[in-house]
Amino acid sequence: MNRQELTKKLTELGVSQSAYSLDGPYVEGIMLEITDNYRPGDIAYKEWRVFEHERGAPI
């Protein structure tokens, strides 16, 4: 999924652009949240865990 596709998908889902940064380290976390197609151990999964931890969830 490229930047344009991700922006379009997030907009369709009603996610405010202020809620994410396409240049930040958590874009994979957002992609994981909207696509839910990850395997434990891959980069998206690890970054999602960090993203969740940043929001206060236990890691």
PDB file of N, CA and C in Angstrom:
ATOM      1  N   MET A   1       0.859  -1.181   0.000  1.00  0.00           N
ATOM      2  CA  MET A   1       0.000   0.000   0.000  1.00  0.00           C
ATOM      3  C   MET A   1       0.898   1.235   0.000  1.00  0.00           C
ATOM      4  N   ASN A   2       0.722   2.075  -1.006  1.00  0.00           N
ATOM      5  CA  ASN A   2       1.552   3.273  -1.052  1.00  0.00           C
ATOM      6  C   ASN A   2       0.888   4.422  -0.289  1.00  0.00           C
ATOM      7  N   ARG A   3       1.574   5.540  -0.226  1.00  0.00           N
ATOM      8  CA  ARG A   3       1.102   6.692   0.547  1.00  0.00           C
ATOM      9  C   ARG A   3      -0.292   7.143   0.104  1.00  0.00           C
ATOM     10  N   GLN A   4      -0.508   7.235  -1.203  1.00  0.00           N
ATOM     11  CA  GLN A   4      -1.801   7.696  -1.712  1.00  0.00           C
ATOM     12  C   GLN A   4      -2.919   6.718  -1.342  1.00  0.00           C
ATOM     13  N   GLU A   5      -2.655   5.432  -1.495  1.00  0.00           N
ATOM     14  CA  GLU A   5      -3.656   4.419  -1.148  1.00  0.00           C
ATOM     15  C   GLU A   5      -3.968   4.438   0.344  1.00  0.00           C
ATOM     16  N   LEU A   6      -2.925   4.601   1.161  1.00  0.00           N
ATOM     17  CA  LEU A   6      -3.119   4.636   2.608  1.00  0.00           C
ATOM     18  C   LEU A   6      -3.949   5.851   3.008  1.00  0.00           C
ATOM     19  N   THR A   7      -3.620   7.009   2.444  1.00  0.00           N
ATOM     20  CA  THR A   7      -4.375   8.223   2.749  1.00  0.00           C
ATOM     21  C   THR A   7      -5.840   8.054   2.369  1.00  0.00           C
ATOM     22  N   LYS A   8      -6.093   7.483   1.174  1.00  0.00           N
ATOM     23  CA  LYS A   8      -7.466   7.266   0.709  1.00  0.00           C
ATOM     24  C   LYS A   8      -8.213   6.323   1.652  1.00  0.00           C
ATOM     25  N   LYS A   9      -7.561   5.229   2.052  1.00  0.00           N
ATOM     26  CA  LYS A   9      -8.198   4.246   2.927  1.00  0.00           C
ATOM     27  C   LYS A   9      -8.520   4.860   4.290  1.00  0.00           C
ATOM     28  N   LEU A  10      -7.574   5.593   4.851  1.00  0.00           N
ATOM     29  CA  LEU A  10      -7.806   6.224   6.152  1.00  0.00           C
ATOM     30  C   LEU A  10      -8.947   7.234   6.065  1.00  0.00           C
ATOM     31  N   THR A  11      -9.001   7.982   4.960  1.00  0.00           N
ATOM     32  CA  THR A  11     -10.080   8.948   4.769  1.00  0.00           C
ATOM     33  C   THR A  11     -11.429   8.236   4.679  1.00  0.00           C
ATOM     34  N   GLU A  12     -11.471   7.120   3.943  1.00  0.00           N
ATOM     35  CA  GLU A  12     -12.709   6.338   3.826  1.00  0.00           C
ATOM     36  C   GLU A  12     -13.175   5.841   5.188  1.00  0.00           C
ATOM     37  N   LEU A  13     -12.218   5.511   6.051  1.00  0.00           N
ATOM     38  CA  LEU A  13     -12.549   5.006   7.382  1.00  0.00           C
ATOM     39  C   LEU A  13     -12.875   6.129   8.364  1.00  0.00           C
ATOM     40  N   GLY A  14     -12.733   7.372   7.901  1.00  0.00           N
ATOM     41  CA  GLY A  14     -13.063   8.501   8.758  1.00  0.00           C
ATOM     42  C   GLY A  14     -11.972   8.865   9.749  1.00  0.00           C
ATOM     43  N   VAL A  15     -10.732   8.457   9.452  1.00  0.00           N
ATOM     44  CA  VAL A  15      -9.621   8.789  10.341  1.00  0.00           C
ATOM     45  C   VAL A  15      -9.107  10.173   9.982  1.00  0.00           C
ATOM     46  N   SER A  16      -9.057  11.049  10.954  1.00  0.00           N
ATOM     47  CA  SER A  16      -8.553  12.396  10.723  1.00  0.00           C
ATOM     48  C   SER A  16      -7.067  12.344  10.414  1.00  0.00           C
ATOM     49  N   GLN A  17      -6.637  13.142   9.453  1.00  0.00           N
ATOM     50  CA  GLN A  17      -5.217  13.126   9.101  1.00  0.00           C
ATOM     51  C   GLN A  17      -4.356  13.592  10.269  1.00  0.00           C
ATOM     52  N   SER A  18      -4.919  14.366  11.185  1.00  0.00           N
ATOM     53  CA  SER A  18      -4.147  14.805  12.344  1.00  0.00           C
ATOM     54  C   SER A  18      -3.866  13.648  13.303  1.00  0.00           C
ATOM     55  N   ALA A  19      -4.529  12.506  13.097  1.00  0.00           N
ATOM     56  CA  ALA A  19      -4.370  11.362  13.993  1.00  0.00           C
ATOM     57  C   ALA A  19      -3.185  10.482  13.603  1.00  0.00           C
ATOM     58  N   TYR A  20      -2.556  10.778  12.485  1.00  0.00           N
ATOM     59  CA  TYR A  20      -1.434   9.949  12.054  1.00  0.00           C
ATOM     60  C   TYR A  20      -0.444  10.782  11.264  1.00  0.00           C
ATOM     61  N   SER A  21       0.742  10.258  11.109  1.00  0.00           N
ATOM     62  CA  SER A  21       1.767  10.903  10.293  1.00  0.00           C
ATOM     63  C   SER A  21       2.305   9.878   9.308  1.00  0.00           C
ATOM     64  N   LEU A  22       2.201  10.178   8.031  1.00  0.00           N
ATOM     65  CA  LEU A  22       2.694   9.236   7.024  1.00  0.00           C
ATOM     66  C   LEU A  22       4.218   9.204   6.987  1.00  0.00           C
ATOM     67  N   ASP A  23       4.857  10.162   7.639  1.00  0.00           N
ATOM     68  CA  ASP A  23       6.316  10.183   7.671  1.00  0.00           C
ATOM     69  C   ASP A  23       6.857   9.673   8.997  1.00  0.00           C
ATOM     70  N   GLY A  24       5.979   9.367   9.918  1.00  0.00           N
ATOM     71  CA  GLY A  24       6.402   8.944  11.244  1.00  0.00           C
ATOM     72  C   GLY A  24       6.667   7.452  11.317  1.00  0.00           C
ATOM     73  N   PRO A  25       7.092   6.987  12.475  1.00  0.00           N
ATOM     74  CA  PRO A  25       7.449   5.582  12.629  1.00  0.00           C
ATOM     75  C   PRO A  25       6.249   4.658  12.793  1.00  0.00           C
ATOM     76  N   TYR A  26       5.045   5.201  12.864  1.00  0.00           N
ATOM     77  CA  TYR A  26       3.892   4.370  13.197  1.00  0.00           C
ATOM     78  C   TYR A  26       2.958   4.127  12.023  1.00  0.00           C
ATOM     79  N   VAL A  27       3.404   4.465  10.810  1.00  0.00           N
ATOM     80  CA  VAL A  27       2.531   4.232   9.667  1.00  0.00           C
ATOM     81  C   VAL A  27       2.220   2.744   9.519  1.00  0.00           C
ATOM     82  N   GLU A  28       3.175   1.864   9.834  1.00  0.00           N
ATOM     83  CA  GLU A  28       2.907   0.427   9.749  1.00  0.00           C
ATOM     84  C   GLU A  28       1.857   0.026  10.775  1.00  0.00           C
ATOM     85  N   GLY A  29       1.898   0.666  11.934  1.00  0.00           N
ATOM     86  CA  GLY A  29       0.899   0.377  12.955  1.00  0.00           C
ATOM     87  C   GLY A  29      -0.496   0.732  12.484  1.00  0.00           C
ATOM     88  N   ILE A  30      -0.612   1.863  11.795  1.00  0.00           N
ATOM     89  CA  ILE A  30      -1.911   2.267  11.275  1.00  0.00           C
ATOM     90  C   ILE A  30      -2.341   1.305  10.169  1.00  0.00           C
ATOM     91  N   MET A  31      -1.411   0.913   9.316  1.00  0.00           N
ATOM     92  CA  MET A  31      -1.751  -0.040   8.266  1.00  0.00           C
ATOM     93  C   MET A  31      -2.197  -1.363   8.874  1.00  0.00           C
ATOM     94  N   LEU A  32      -1.532  -1.761   9.936  1.00  0.00           N
ATOM     95  CA  LEU A  32      -1.910  -2.998  10.616  1.00  0.00           C
ATOM     96  C   LEU A  32      -3.317  -2.879  11.174  1.00  0.00           C
ATOM     97  N   GLU A  33      -3.619  -1.710  11.735  1.00  0.00           N
ATOM     98  CA  GLU A  33      -4.924  -1.507  12.341  1.00  0.00           C
ATOM     99  C   GLU A  33      -6.032  -1.591  11.291  1.00  0.00           C
ATOM    100  N   ILE A  34      -5.793  -1.045  10.105  1.00  0.00           N
ATOM    101  CA  ILE A  34      -6.860  -1.020   9.110  1.00  0.00           C
ATOM    102  C   ILE A  34      -6.874  -2.260   8.216  1.00  0.00           C
ATOM    103  N   THR A  35      -5.751  -2.970   8.104  1.00  0.00           N
ATOM    104  CA  THR A  35      -5.743  -4.141   7.228  1.00  0.00           C
ATOM    105  C   THR A  35      -5.744  -5.444   8.011  1.00  0.00           C
ATOM    106  N   ASP A  36      -5.147  -5.415   9.214  1.00  0.00           N
ATOM    107  CA  ASP A  36      -5.097  -6.580  10.098  1.00  0.00           C
ATOM    108  C   ASP A  36      -4.456  -7.790   9.418  1.00  0.00           C
ATOM    109  N   ASN A  37      -3.507  -7.543   8.508  1.00  0.00           N
ATOM    110  CA  ASN A  37      -2.844  -8.671   7.842  1.00  0.00           C
ATOM    111  C   ASN A  37      -1.364  -8.670   8.205  1.00  0.00           C
ATOM    112  N   TYR A  38      -1.076  -9.165   9.372  1.00  0.00           N
ATOM    113  CA  TYR A  38       0.306  -9.216   9.823  1.00  0.00           C
ATOM    114  C   TYR A  38       0.610 -10.604  10.352  1.00  0.00           C
ATOM    115  N   ARG A  39       1.887 -10.899  10.449  1.00  0.00           N
ATOM    116  CA  ARG A  39       2.349 -12.129  11.084  1.00  0.00           C
ATOM    117  C   ARG A  39       3.154 -11.730  12.303  1.00  0.00           C
ATOM    118  N   PRO A  40       2.941 -12.349  13.448  1.00  0.00           N
ATOM    119  CA  PRO A  40       3.750 -12.031  14.615  1.00  0.00           C
ATOM    120  C   PRO A  40       5.235 -12.150  14.279  1.00  0.00           C
ATOM    121  N   GLY A  41       5.987 -11.138  14.666  1.00  0.00           N
ATOM    122  CA  GLY A  41       7.422 -11.153  14.412  1.00  0.00           C
ATOM    123  C   GLY A  41       7.847 -10.268  13.263  1.00  0.00           C
ATOM    124  N   ASP A  42       6.913  -9.877  12.394  1.00  0.00           N
ATOM    125  CA  ASP A  42       7.354  -9.015  11.303  1.00  0.00           C
ATOM    126  C   ASP A  42       7.404  -7.563  11.777  1.00  0.00           C
ATOM    127  N   ILE A  43       7.956  -6.702  10.959  1.00  0.00           N
ATOM    128  CA  ILE A  43       8.214  -5.324  11.377  1.00  0.00           C
ATOM    129  C   ILE A  43       6.920  -4.611  11.753  1.00  0.00           C
ATOM    130  N   ALA A  44       5.870  -4.800  10.968  1.00  0.00           N
ATOM    131  CA  ALA A  44       4.607  -4.129  11.267  1.00  0.00           C
ATOM    132  C   ALA A  44       4.098  -4.532  12.647  1.00  0.00           C
ATOM    133  N   TYR A  45       4.202  -5.802  12.968  1.00  0.00           N
ATOM    134  CA  TYR A  45       3.726  -6.286  14.259  1.00  0.00           C
ATOM    135  C   TYR A  45       4.536  -5.662  15.387  1.00  0.00           C
ATOM    136  N   LYS A  46       5.869  -5.629  15.233  1.00  0.00           N
ATOM    137  CA  LYS A  46       6.718  -5.040  16.262  1.00  0.00           C
ATOM    138  C   LYS A  46       6.417  -3.556  16.434  1.00  0.00           C
ATOM    139  N   GLU A  47       6.272  -2.836  15.315  1.00  0.00           N
ATOM    140  CA  GLU A  47       5.997  -1.405  15.406  1.00  0.00           C
ATOM    141  C   GLU A  47       4.614  -1.169  15.999  1.00  0.00           C
ATOM    142  N   TRP A  48       3.661  -2.045  15.691  1.00  0.00           N
ATOM    143  CA  TRP A  48       2.335  -1.924  16.289  1.00  0.00           C
ATOM    144  C   TRP A  48       2.417  -2.090  17.795  1.00  0.00           C
ATOM    145  N   ARG A  49       3.249  -3.042  18.254  1.00  0.00           N
ATOM    146  CA  ARG A  49       3.420  -3.244  19.689  1.00  0.00           C
ATOM    147  C   ARG A  49       3.991  -1.980  20.331  1.00  0.00           C
ATOM    148  N   VAL A  50       4.968  -1.362  19.668  1.00  0.00           N
ATOM    149  CA  VAL A  50       5.543  -0.119  20.184  1.00  0.00           C
ATOM    150  C   VAL A  50       4.471   0.965  20.204  1.00  0.00           C
ATOM    151  N   PHE A  51       3.686   1.053  19.128  1.00  0.00           N
ATOM    152  CA  PHE A  51       2.620   2.048  19.028  1.00  0.00           C
ATOM    153  C   PHE A  51       1.617   1.865  20.165  1.00  0.00           C
ATOM    154  N   GLU A  52       1.221   0.629  20.433  1.00  0.00           N
ATOM    155  CA  GLU A  52       0.292   0.348  21.526  1.00  0.00           C
ATOM    156  C   GLU A  52       0.912   0.732  22.858  1.00  0.00           C
ATOM    157  N   HIS A  53       2.190   0.433  23.029  1.00  0.00           N
ATOM    158  CA  HIS A  53       2.878   0.747  24.281  1.00  0.00           C
ATOM    159  C   HIS A  53       2.933   2.259  24.483  1.00  0.00           C
ATOM    160  N   GLU A  54       3.190   2.986  23.399  1.00  0.00           N
ATOM    161  CA  GLU A  54       3.233   4.448  23.473  1.00  0.00           C
ATOM    162  C   GLU A  54       1.887   5.002  23.941  1.00  0.00           C
ATOM    163  N   ARG A  55       0.817   4.310  23.596  1.00  0.00           N
ATOM    164  CA  ARG A  55      -0.522   4.765  23.997  1.00  0.00           C
ATOM    165  C   ARG A  55      -0.881   4.280  25.394  1.00  0.00           C
ATOM    166  N   GLY A  56       0.021   3.557  26.035  1.00  0.00           N
ATOM    167  CA  GLY A  56      -0.200   3.158  27.415  1.00  0.00           C
ATOM    168  C   GLY A  56      -0.584   1.709  27.616  1.00  0.00           C
ATOM    169  N   ALA A  57      -0.692   0.952  26.526  1.00  0.00           N
ATOM    170  CA  ALA A  57      -1.038  -0.463  26.671  1.00  0.00           C
ATOM    171  C   ALA A  57       0.193  -1.238  27.127  1.00  0.00           C
ATOM    172  N   PRO A  58       0.018  -2.303  27.892  1.00  0.00           N
ATOM    173  CA  PRO A  58       1.175  -3.114  28.287  1.00  0.00           C
ATOM    174  C   PRO A  58       1.809  -3.776  27.069  1.00  0.00           C
ATOM    175  N   ILE A  59       3.096  -3.932  27.090  1.00  0.00           N
ATOM    176  CA  ILE A  59       3.783  -4.488  25.918  1.00  0.00           C
ATOM    177  C   ILE A  59       4.049  -5.966  26.122  1.00  0.00           C
TER     178      ILE A  59
END
